[in-house]
Amino acid sequence: MADLTLETDGARTLGAPTLVESVMATIRQRIAARSLTPGARLPSIRAFAQSMQVSKSTVVEAYERLAAEGTIRSRPGSGFYAAGSLAPLSLAEIGPRLDRAVDPLWVSRQSLDAGDEVLKPGCGWLPASWMPQAALRRALRTAARADDVALADYGTPLGLPPLRQLLARRMAGHGIEVSPEQIMLTESGTQAIDLLCRFLIEPGDTVLVDDPCYFNFHALLRAHRAKVVSVPYTPSGPDIELFAQALAEHRPRLYITNSAIHNPTGAILSPVIAHRLLKLADQSDLTIVEDDIFADFEHTPAPRLAAFDGLNRVVQIGSFSKTLSASVRCGFIAAPRDWIEGLTDLKIATTFGGGRLAAELVLTLLKDGSYRKHMDLLRARLAHAMAETVARLRAIGITPWIDQPAGLFLWCGLPDGVDAAEVARRALRDNVVLAPGNAFSLSRTASHFLRFNVAQCEDQRIFKVLEAAMAR
């Protein structure tokens, strides 16, 4: 955790914390974030005073107060130690507090908690009205006629065999040769990444992500206590020279990315970058998690790292939450064969059995042709919404990073001098949830960007609120 530098010139804004209070807050934050666990020794008074740039007497008083309230304990002749039971993990306390009002968890909370009156161009999913409601109801009626075991019993740890077989055939269409025994069903794409993080990394391990990248990658990796390092993303993939530099400098265990339709930029990985990326990964013993949940939004299939690699050091995940239903939780992991037993053990330990009923629903929709017809219509509808949204945004001075990409998302630059976080705060007062760029950027270099979900941008009020927020 980065050291906190404090002002020491004696001036203090009314209501601001004192130096002693700031030192105490830093210790509490480290305990909440688990960088100080029960029994861990605190830095010496001299060392902590130097790192905080305060006097030793300030640290002494802070430590004494924390000891008095029971947060830490003094051991004469030995020093101070974190005390008590382990504080509940607080993701909000991990990492910088900059832009806390619009951090990744803020975007998710605002979108998920929003009522019908709130417009959500910053969220990451389709409107419910865009989902195949009639087909879902038919599949539910079919499920209601299933036998008792399908309706009420646990699923097998790997998941419904016919669905895994069908997923293997679908992946073959993207050039990925995989057997059903290499596929494990999960409750979602998020659970798939969570299981892989449990399986592949330990607290303190380094993980590479794109900058910008899907903000929940940041949140999940924080929860796993990983050290996260980001590499700038370009319209054709990660900046390969900086990627190589990060490998040499940080020796990461894992790289998590979208290669088909990148979230949030909409970029597509080029074959040249894909090959160079895999060569670097092989040289550095790097494992790659390829999040492919937007695969079915493509008009023309893009290169897949898993196809080039043959599921050797690349593992691919997917789900149907974005295309079929966010309520029917069904995702999957396609991994090297010798990983499956270990992943299965983790799945049993964390969720016991699989969601069989959700898998049955997805299988029904994939087999009866409903899903294919739905996606054909959805791609056409998204292309129209993309063109409309680009035109409306350009009219108020907002410029797409890539002009009319496939899928849901537009990554857009704001006019010079306009801060996306402030625009998001102002828009929220008018019941519009936006997704400011720094929620996606570990380096916090995207303060003038917003991500727009074109499927959620049909209401003209969004653009009026946006224009007014930028003007203010």
Protein backbone atom coordinates (compact mmCIF):
# COMPACT_ATOMS: atom_id res chain seq x y z
CA MET A 1 0.00 0.00 0.00
CA ALA A 2 1.33 3.40 -0.92
CA ASP A 3 2.53 5.61 1.90
CA LEU A 4 0.42 8.64 2.70
CA THR A 5 2.24 11.98 2.68
CA LEU A 6 0.80 14.60 5.01
CA GLU A 7 1.04 18.36 5.07
CA THR A 8 3.24 19.44 7.98
CA ASP A 9 3.26 23.22 7.71
CA GLY A 10 0.87 23.62 10.62
CA ALA A 11 -2.00 24.94 8.51
CA ARG A 12 -5.16 22.89 8.53
CA THR A 13 -8.49 23.33 6.80
CA LEU A 14 -11.40 23.66 9.18
CA GLY A 15 -12.91 20.21 9.72
CA ALA A 16 -9.92 18.40 8.21
CA PRO A 17 -8.31 15.62 10.29
CA THR A 18 -5.30 16.38 12.45
CA LEU A 19 -1.98 14.70 11.72
CA VAL A 20 -2.56 12.26 14.58
CA GLU A 21 -6.04 11.41 13.23
CA SER A 22 -4.62 10.89 9.73
CA VAL A 23 -1.98 8.49 11.03
CA MET A 24 -4.69 6.58 12.94
CA ALA A 25 -6.87 6.44 9.82
CA THR A 26 -3.99 5.00 7.80
CA ILE A 27 -3.46 2.19 10.34
CA ARG A 28 -7.20 1.40 10.44
CA GLN A 29 -7.29 1.33 6.63
CA ARG A 30 -4.39 -1.12 6.48
CA ILE A 31 -6.11 -3.40 9.00
CA ALA A 32 -9.38 -3.23 7.04
CA ALA A 33 -7.52 -4.00 3.81
CA ARG A 34 -5.70 -6.95 5.47
CA SER A 35 -2.21 -5.63 4.83
CA LEU A 36 -2.00 -5.68 8.64
CA THR A 37 -3.50 -8.89 10.03
CA PRO A 38 -4.02 -9.79 13.71
CA GLY A 39 -0.65 -10.17 15.41
CA ALA A 40 1.25 -8.35 12.64
CA ARG A 41 3.90 -5.96 13.93
CA LEU A 42 3.39 -2.30 13.04
CA PRO A 43 6.28 -0.28 11.61
CA SER A 44 8.61 1.19 14.20
CA ILE A 45 7.81 4.71 15.35
CA ARG A 46 10.89 6.09 13.59
CA ALA A 47 10.20 4.25 10.30
CA PHE A 48 6.52 5.17 10.22
CA ALA A 49 7.25 8.81 11.03
CA GLN A 50 9.65 8.93 8.08
CA SER A 51 7.23 7.27 5.66
CA MET A 52 4.35 9.54 6.73
CA GLN A 53 6.58 12.62 6.89
CA VAL A 54 5.43 13.52 10.39
CA SER A 55 7.18 13.81 13.72
CA LYS A 56 7.87 10.81 15.93
CA SER A 57 5.71 12.37 18.64
CA THR A 58 2.75 12.39 16.24
CA VAL A 59 3.17 8.65 15.59
CA VAL A 60 3.61 7.95 19.33
CA GLU A 61 0.33 9.72 20.13
CA ALA A 62 -1.48 7.95 17.26
CA TYR A 63 -0.23 4.55 18.41
CA GLU A 64 -1.21 5.28 22.02
CA ARG A 65 -4.73 6.27 21.00
CA LEU A 66 -5.13 3.18 18.81
CA ALA A 67 -3.93 1.02 21.69
CA ALA A 68 -6.43 2.70 24.01
CA GLU A 69 -9.32 1.89 21.69
CA GLY A 70 -8.12 -1.71 21.26
CA THR A 71 -7.18 -1.51 17.58
CA ILE A 72 -3.51 -2.29 18.32
CA ARG A 73 -1.60 -3.63 21.32
CA SER A 74 1.68 -2.60 22.88
CA ARG A 75 4.28 -5.19 23.83
CA PRO A 76 6.92 -3.55 26.03
CA GLY A 77 10.36 -3.84 24.50
CA SER A 78 8.93 -5.27 21.28
CA GLY A 79 6.68 -2.65 19.69
CA PHE A 80 3.05 -2.36 18.59
CA TYR A 81 0.95 -5.11 17.00
CA ALA A 82 -2.42 -5.29 15.27
CA ALA A 83 -4.95 -6.65 17.76
CA GLY A 84 -8.33 -8.33 17.87
CA SER A 85 -10.23 -10.37 15.37
CA LEU A 86 -9.70 -9.84 11.68
CA ALA A 87 -11.69 -6.88 10.37
CA PRO A 88 -14.15 -7.70 7.56
CA LEU A 89 -12.58 -7.22 4.15
CA SER A 90 -13.35 -3.74 2.86
CA LEU A 91 -12.75 -3.41 -0.87
CA ALA A 92 -13.45 0.31 -0.54
CA GLU A 93 -10.37 0.62 1.68
CA ILE A 94 -8.03 -1.12 -0.75
CA GLY A 95 -6.21 1.13 -3.17
CA PRO A 96 -6.30 4.88 -3.65
CA ARG A 97 -9.23 6.92 -2.39
CA LEU A 98 -9.11 9.28 -5.38
CA ASP A 99 -12.47 9.62 -7.14
CA ARG A 100 -14.06 7.38 -4.51
CA ALA A 101 -17.53 8.76 -5.40
CA VAL A 102 -17.25 7.25 -8.89
CA ASP A 103 -14.97 4.24 -8.37
CA PRO A 104 -15.73 0.87 -10.03
CA LEU A 105 -17.91 -0.30 -7.17
CA TRP A 106 -19.83 2.98 -7.29
CA VAL A 107 -20.71 2.46 -10.96
CA SER A 108 -21.95 -1.07 -10.27
CA ARG A 109 -23.91 -0.11 -7.16
CA GLN A 110 -25.62 2.84 -8.83
CA SER A 111 -26.58 0.77 -11.86
CA LEU A 112 -27.79 -2.28 -9.93
CA ASP A 113 -29.74 -0.26 -7.34
CA ALA A 114 -31.31 2.14 -9.83
CA GLY A 115 -35.09 2.28 -10.09
CA ASP A 116 -37.10 2.45 -13.28
CA GLU A 117 -36.89 6.25 -13.30
CA VAL A 118 -33.07 6.19 -13.60
CA LEU A 119 -31.41 6.13 -17.03
CA LYS A 120 -28.30 3.93 -17.19
CA PRO A 121 -26.06 4.65 -20.19
CA GLY A 122 -23.10 3.73 -17.97
CA CYS A 123 -24.21 0.20 -17.10
CA GLY A 124 -22.84 -2.91 -18.77
CA TRP A 125 -25.92 -4.88 -19.81
CA LEU A 126 -28.84 -4.82 -22.23
CA PRO A 127 -32.25 -3.45 -21.26
CA ALA A 128 -34.61 -6.22 -20.17
CA SER A 129 -36.86 -5.40 -23.14
CA TRP A 130 -34.01 -6.33 -25.51
CA MET A 131 -33.76 -9.87 -24.12
CA PRO A 132 -35.66 -12.82 -25.70
CA GLN A 133 -38.58 -12.73 -23.28
CA ALA A 134 -40.92 -15.01 -25.25
CA ALA A 135 -38.20 -17.62 -25.77
CA LEU A 136 -37.27 -17.49 -22.08
CA ARG A 137 -40.88 -18.12 -21.08
CA ARG A 138 -41.09 -21.10 -23.44
CA ALA A 139 -37.89 -22.51 -21.97
CA LEU A 140 -39.26 -22.04 -18.46
CA ARG A 141 -42.42 -23.95 -19.39
CA THR A 142 -40.24 -26.74 -20.79
CA ALA A 143 -38.19 -26.78 -17.58
CA ALA A 144 -41.37 -27.03 -15.50
CA ARG A 145 -42.10 -30.37 -17.20
CA ALA A 146 -38.67 -31.80 -16.37
CA ASP A 147 -38.23 -34.74 -14.01
CA ASP A 148 -37.82 -34.32 -10.26
CA VAL A 149 -34.03 -34.59 -10.36
CA ALA A 150 -33.62 -31.74 -12.86
CA LEU A 151 -35.94 -29.51 -10.84
CA ALA A 152 -34.68 -30.17 -7.33
CA ASP A 153 -31.29 -31.90 -7.18
CA TYR A 154 -27.71 -30.60 -7.30
CA GLY A 155 -26.00 -30.57 -10.65
CA THR A 156 -22.70 -32.39 -11.20
CA PRO A 157 -19.58 -30.33 -10.43
CA LEU A 158 -18.56 -30.01 -14.09
CA GLY A 159 -22.10 -29.16 -15.10
CA LEU A 160 -24.76 -30.46 -17.48
CA PRO A 161 -23.00 -32.77 -20.00
CA PRO A 162 -25.21 -31.92 -23.05
CA LEU A 163 -24.56 -28.19 -22.56
CA ARG A 164 -20.82 -28.75 -22.25
CA GLN A 165 -20.90 -30.76 -25.46
CA LEU A 166 -22.77 -27.98 -27.24
CA LEU A 167 -20.33 -25.35 -25.91
CA ALA A 168 -17.41 -27.41 -27.25
CA ARG A 169 -19.01 -27.38 -30.72
CA ARG A 170 -19.63 -23.63 -30.51
CA MET A 171 -16.02 -22.96 -29.51
CA ALA A 172 -14.82 -25.03 -32.45
CA GLY A 173 -16.48 -22.39 -34.63
CA HIS A 174 -13.89 -19.94 -33.26
CA GLY A 175 -11.03 -22.33 -33.96
CA ILE A 176 -10.75 -23.58 -30.38
CA GLU A 177 -10.44 -27.36 -30.18
CA VAL A 178 -11.69 -28.43 -26.76
CA SER A 179 -13.36 -31.54 -25.36
CA PRO A 180 -16.44 -31.34 -23.13
CA GLU A 181 -14.27 -32.71 -20.28
CA GLN A 182 -12.19 -29.49 -20.47
CA ILE A 183 -15.26 -27.31 -19.90
CA MET A 184 -16.70 -26.57 -16.47
CA LEU A 185 -19.96 -24.66 -16.03
CA THR A 186 -20.06 -21.80 -13.53
CA GLU A 187 -22.74 -19.48 -12.18
CA SER A 188 -21.40 -16.55 -14.24
CA GLY A 189 -18.35 -15.12 -15.97
CA THR A 190 -17.51 -13.35 -12.72
CA GLN A 191 -17.52 -16.63 -10.79
CA ALA A 192 -15.34 -18.14 -13.48
CA ILE A 193 -12.68 -15.45 -12.95
CA ASP A 194 -13.01 -15.77 -9.17
CA LEU A 195 -12.37 -19.52 -9.33
CA LEU A 196 -9.40 -19.04 -11.64
CA CYS A 197 -7.90 -16.44 -9.31
CA ARG A 198 -8.31 -18.84 -6.38
CA PHE A 199 -6.67 -21.57 -8.46
CA LEU A 200 -3.79 -19.63 -10.01
CA ILE A 201 -2.64 -16.85 -7.68
CA GLU A 202 -1.71 -16.20 -4.07
CA PRO A 203 -2.03 -12.89 -2.17
CA GLY A 204 0.76 -10.59 -3.31
CA ASP A 205 1.16 -12.17 -6.76
CA THR A 206 1.25 -9.75 -9.68
CA VAL A 207 -1.51 -9.75 -12.29
CA LEU A 208 -1.49 -7.74 -15.53
CA VAL A 209 -4.62 -6.02 -16.83
CA ASP A 210 -5.29 -3.66 -19.71
CA ASP A 211 -5.54 0.08 -19.15
CA PRO A 212 -8.43 0.71 -19.46
CA CYS A 213 -10.13 -2.59 -18.64
CA TYR A 214 -13.43 -3.89 -17.25
CA PHE A 215 -13.64 -2.35 -13.80
CA ASN A 216 -14.75 -5.53 -12.02
CA PHE A 217 -11.38 -7.09 -12.89
CA HIS A 218 -9.92 -4.49 -10.52
CA ALA A 219 -12.46 -5.27 -7.80
CA LEU A 220 -11.97 -9.05 -8.02
CA LEU A 221 -8.19 -8.79 -7.96
CA ARG A 222 -8.37 -6.51 -4.94
CA ALA A 223 -10.50 -9.12 -3.20
CA HIS A 224 -7.78 -11.70 -3.93
CA ARG A 225 -5.08 -9.35 -2.57
CA ALA A 226 -3.18 -9.37 -5.86
CA LYS A 227 -0.75 -6.71 -6.96
CA VAL A 228 -2.31 -5.28 -10.12
CA VAL A 229 -0.19 -3.76 -12.90
CA SER A 230 -1.76 -2.21 -16.01
CA VAL A 231 -0.54 -1.91 -19.61
CA PRO A 232 -1.97 0.73 -21.99
CA TYR A 233 -4.45 -0.65 -24.53
CA THR A 234 -4.45 0.41 -28.18
CA PRO A 235 -7.05 -0.12 -30.96
CA SER A 236 -5.26 -3.36 -31.91
CA GLY A 237 -4.47 -4.73 -28.45
CA PRO A 238 -2.11 -4.04 -25.55
CA ASP A 239 0.93 -1.87 -26.24
CA ILE A 240 3.26 -4.77 -26.90
CA GLU A 241 6.51 -2.96 -26.03
CA LEU A 242 5.14 -1.81 -22.67
CA PHE A 243 3.69 -5.30 -22.15
CA ALA A 244 7.17 -6.81 -22.57
CA GLN A 245 8.57 -4.20 -20.20
CA ALA A 246 5.95 -5.05 -17.56
CA LEU A 247 6.76 -8.75 -17.86
CA ALA A 248 10.45 -8.10 -17.30
CA GLU A 249 9.93 -5.67 -14.43
CA HIS A 250 7.06 -7.28 -12.48
CA ARG A 251 7.18 -11.02 -13.35
CA PRO A 252 3.37 -11.40 -13.28
CA ARG A 253 1.64 -14.74 -12.83
CA LEU A 254 -1.49 -13.87 -14.80
CA TYR A 255 -2.88 -11.58 -17.49
CA ILE A 256 -6.67 -11.01 -17.73
CA THR A 257 -8.11 -9.49 -20.90
CA ASN A 258 -10.92 -9.39 -23.48
CA SER A 259 -9.58 -10.20 -26.93
CA ALA A 260 -12.70 -10.26 -29.11
CA ILE A 261 -14.66 -7.12 -28.21
CA HIS A 262 -12.69 -5.27 -25.57
CA ASN A 263 -14.48 -3.73 -22.61
CA PRO A 264 -14.62 -0.70 -22.38
CA THR A 265 -13.01 0.37 -25.66
CA GLY A 266 -14.66 -1.93 -28.22
CA ALA A 267 -11.22 -2.60 -29.73
CA ILE A 268 -10.35 -5.87 -31.50
CA LEU A 269 -7.11 -7.76 -30.93
CA SER A 270 -5.08 -7.99 -34.14
CA PRO A 271 -3.51 -11.32 -35.23
CA VAL A 272 -0.01 -9.76 -35.19
CA ILE A 273 -0.37 -8.52 -31.61
CA ALA A 274 -1.95 -11.85 -30.58
CA HIS A 275 1.05 -13.84 -31.84
CA ARG A 276 3.57 -11.49 -30.23
CA LEU A 277 1.60 -11.59 -26.99
CA LEU A 278 1.62 -15.40 -26.88
CA LYS A 279 5.34 -15.52 -27.66
CA LEU A 280 6.04 -13.20 -24.73
CA ALA A 281 3.72 -15.22 -22.48
CA ASP A 282 5.55 -18.43 -23.36
CA GLN A 283 8.94 -16.86 -22.65
CA SER A 284 7.75 -15.51 -19.29
CA ASP A 285 5.65 -18.48 -18.14
CA LEU A 286 2.58 -16.22 -18.08
CA THR A 287 -0.97 -17.60 -17.88
CA ILE A 288 -3.66 -15.70 -19.79
CA VAL A 289 -7.36 -15.58 -18.88
CA GLU A 290 -9.33 -14.64 -22.00
CA ASP A 291 -12.76 -13.26 -21.08
CA ASP A 292 -14.90 -13.91 -24.15
CA ILE A 293 -18.37 -13.01 -22.88
CA PHE A 294 -18.99 -10.63 -25.80
CA ALA A 295 -18.21 -13.23 -28.48
CA ASP A 296 -21.76 -13.46 -29.82
CA PHE A 297 -21.97 -9.70 -30.45
CA GLU A 298 -19.35 -9.98 -33.21
CA HIS A 299 -20.29 -9.60 -36.87
CA THR A 300 -17.01 -11.23 -37.98
CA PRO A 301 -15.08 -13.47 -35.57
CA ALA A 302 -11.91 -11.86 -34.23
CA PRO A 303 -8.67 -13.71 -33.36
CA ARG A 304 -8.80 -15.74 -30.16
CA LEU A 305 -5.73 -16.25 -28.01
CA ALA A 306 -7.16 -19.62 -26.94
CA ALA A 307 -7.37 -20.70 -30.60
CA PHE A 308 -3.75 -19.74 -31.37
CA ASP A 309 -2.54 -21.28 -28.12
CA GLY A 310 -4.67 -24.44 -28.07
CA LEU A 311 -5.61 -23.98 -24.40
CA ASN A 312 -2.04 -24.52 -23.32
CA ARG A 313 -1.35 -21.42 -21.24
CA VAL A 314 -4.59 -19.61 -22.19
CA VAL A 315 -7.86 -20.34 -20.41
CA GLN A 316 -11.11 -18.98 -21.86
CA ILE A 317 -14.29 -18.03 -20.04
CA GLY A 318 -17.74 -17.01 -21.21
CA SER A 319 -21.32 -16.57 -20.07
CA PHE A 320 -24.84 -15.83 -21.31
CA SER A 321 -25.64 -12.98 -18.90
CA LYS A 322 -25.07 -10.26 -21.51
CA THR A 323 -26.92 -11.92 -24.37
CA LEU A 324 -29.66 -14.07 -22.85
CA SER A 325 -30.58 -13.15 -19.29
CA ALA A 326 -28.78 -11.70 -16.30
CA SER A 327 -31.21 -13.64 -14.09
CA VAL A 328 -30.31 -17.01 -15.62
CA ARG A 329 -26.77 -17.27 -14.23
CA CYS A 330 -24.72 -19.57 -16.42
CA GLY A 331 -21.09 -19.24 -17.45
CA PHE A 332 -18.20 -21.55 -18.21
CA ILE A 333 -14.46 -22.12 -18.08
CA ALA A 334 -12.52 -23.88 -20.84
CA ALA A 335 -9.11 -24.84 -19.45
CA PRO A 336 -6.15 -27.19 -19.92
CA ARG A 337 -7.17 -30.75 -19.16
CA ASP A 338 -4.90 -31.11 -16.13
CA TRP A 339 -6.48 -28.07 -14.44
CA ILE A 340 -9.99 -29.46 -14.35
CA GLU A 341 -9.70 -31.65 -11.26
CA GLY A 342 -8.29 -28.79 -9.19
CA LEU A 343 -10.93 -26.34 -10.46
CA THR A 344 -13.64 -28.90 -9.71
CA ASP A 345 -12.42 -29.22 -6.13
CA LEU A 346 -12.54 -25.43 -5.75
CA LYS A 347 -16.03 -25.27 -7.18
CA ILE A 348 -17.26 -27.91 -4.74
CA ALA A 349 -15.59 -26.08 -1.86
CA THR A 350 -17.12 -22.70 -2.75
CA THR A 351 -20.52 -23.50 -4.31
CA PHE A 352 -20.88 -27.28 -3.87
CA GLY A 353 -23.04 -28.17 -6.89
CA GLY A 354 -23.83 -26.43 -10.11
CA GLY A 355 -26.96 -24.50 -11.08
CA ARG A 356 -28.62 -27.27 -13.03
CA LEU A 357 -31.89 -25.48 -13.74
CA ALA A 358 -30.12 -22.48 -15.30
CA ALA A 359 -28.04 -24.84 -17.44
CA GLU A 360 -31.18 -26.63 -18.62
CA LEU A 361 -32.74 -23.30 -19.65
CA VAL A 362 -29.65 -22.23 -21.60
CA LEU A 363 -29.43 -25.62 -23.32
CA THR A 364 -33.07 -25.41 -24.40
CA LEU A 365 -32.60 -21.95 -25.91
CA LEU A 366 -29.41 -22.91 -27.73
CA LYS A 367 -30.88 -26.10 -29.16
CA ASP A 368 -34.26 -24.85 -30.39
CA GLY A 369 -32.83 -22.04 -32.54
CA SER A 370 -34.21 -19.24 -30.35
CA TYR A 371 -30.79 -17.99 -29.35
CA ARG A 372 -29.46 -17.80 -32.91
CA LYS A 373 -32.48 -15.83 -34.12
CA HIS A 374 -32.29 -13.54 -31.10
CA MET A 375 -28.61 -12.76 -31.71
CA ASP A 376 -29.17 -12.05 -35.42
CA LEU A 377 -31.79 -9.44 -34.51
CA LEU A 378 -29.76 -8.13 -31.60
CA ARG A 379 -26.63 -7.47 -33.69
CA ALA A 380 -28.69 -5.50 -36.19
CA ARG A 381 -30.40 -3.54 -33.44
CA LEU A 382 -27.08 -2.75 -31.76
CA ALA A 383 -25.55 -1.56 -35.04
CA HIS A 384 -28.45 0.88 -35.45
CA ALA A 385 -28.16 2.04 -31.83
CA MET A 386 -24.41 2.48 -32.26
CA ALA A 387 -24.83 4.76 -35.27
CA GLU A 388 -27.54 6.81 -33.52
CA THR A 389 -25.49 7.19 -30.33
CA VAL A 390 -22.33 8.20 -32.20
CA ALA A 391 -24.25 10.92 -34.04
CA ARG A 392 -25.86 12.26 -30.86
CA LEU A 393 -22.57 12.31 -28.97
CA ARG A 394 -20.68 14.03 -31.77
CA ALA A 395 -23.37 16.70 -31.86
CA ILE A 396 -22.49 17.73 -28.28
CA GLY A 397 -18.73 17.54 -28.71
CA ILE A 398 -18.02 13.99 -27.50
CA THR A 399 -15.71 11.93 -29.74
CA PRO A 400 -15.64 8.10 -30.00
CA TRP A 401 -12.20 6.52 -29.62
CA ILE A 402 -13.20 3.92 -32.24
CA ASP A 403 -15.96 4.82 -34.68
CA GLN A 404 -18.92 2.42 -34.41
CA PRO A 405 -17.32 -0.75 -33.00
CA ALA A 406 -19.29 -3.97 -32.64
CA GLY A 407 -21.10 -4.77 -29.43
CA LEU A 408 -22.48 -2.59 -26.66
CA PHE A 409 -19.80 -0.07 -25.83
CA LEU A 410 -18.46 3.26 -27.02
CA TRP A 411 -15.32 4.63 -25.37
CA CYS A 412 -15.47 8.37 -25.84
CA GLY A 413 -13.31 11.41 -25.19
CA LEU A 414 -14.85 14.55 -23.68
CA PRO A 415 -14.00 18.09 -24.77
CA ASP A 416 -10.76 19.56 -23.41
CA GLY A 417 -10.96 20.58 -19.79
CA VAL A 418 -14.06 18.50 -18.98
CA ASP A 419 -13.64 15.99 -16.14
CA ALA A 420 -15.65 12.78 -16.55
CA ALA A 421 -15.99 12.17 -12.81
CA GLU A 422 -17.53 15.58 -12.24
CA VAL A 423 -19.85 15.12 -15.21
CA ALA A 424 -20.94 11.75 -13.74
CA ARG A 425 -21.67 13.31 -10.34
CA ARG A 426 -23.76 16.07 -11.87
CA ALA A 427 -25.62 13.67 -14.17
CA LEU A 428 -26.51 11.44 -11.23
CA ARG A 429 -28.42 14.33 -9.66
CA ASP A 430 -30.63 14.18 -12.76
CA ASN A 431 -31.09 10.38 -12.52
CA VAL A 432 -28.54 9.45 -15.19
CA VAL A 433 -25.82 6.91 -14.30
CA LEU A 434 -22.62 7.39 -16.32
CA ALA A 435 -19.37 5.38 -16.34
CA PRO A 436 -16.37 7.74 -16.03
CA GLY A 437 -13.05 6.66 -17.50
CA ASN A 438 -10.97 6.41 -14.35
CA ALA A 439 -13.27 3.66 -13.06
CA PHE A 440 -11.65 1.54 -15.80
CA SER A 441 -8.10 2.89 -15.56
CA LEU A 442 -5.67 1.64 -12.93
CA SER A 443 -3.24 4.42 -13.84
CA ARG A 444 -6.08 6.95 -13.57
CA THR A 445 -5.20 8.49 -16.93
CA ALA A 446 -8.72 8.35 -18.40
CA SER A 447 -10.28 11.29 -16.57
CA HIS A 448 -11.57 12.76 -19.84
CA PHE A 449 -13.27 9.55 -21.05
CA LEU A 450 -16.74 8.04 -20.58
CA ARG A 451 -18.00 4.60 -21.56
CA PHE A 452 -21.46 4.52 -23.12
CA ASN A 453 -23.72 1.48 -23.51
CA VAL A 454 -25.52 2.20 -26.77
CA ALA A 455 -28.41 -0.13 -25.94
CA GLN A 456 -29.16 2.08 -22.93
CA CYS A 457 -28.91 5.37 -24.88
CA GLU A 458 -32.27 5.49 -26.65
CA ASP A 459 -33.75 8.15 -24.38
CA GLN A 460 -32.98 11.68 -25.63
CA ARG A 461 -32.95 12.96 -22.04
CA ILE A 462 -29.53 11.36 -21.58
CA PHE A 463 -27.92 13.71 -24.06
CA LYS A 464 -29.65 16.78 -22.65
CA VAL A 465 -28.45 15.91 -19.14
CA LEU A 466 -24.98 15.15 -20.46
CA GLU A 467 -24.71 18.43 -22.36
CA ALA A 468 -25.90 20.40 -19.32
CA ALA A 469 -23.48 18.56 -17.01
CA MET A 470 -20.54 19.38 -19.29
CA ALA A 471 -21.60 23.00 -19.57
CA ARG A 472 -21.69 23.41 -15.79
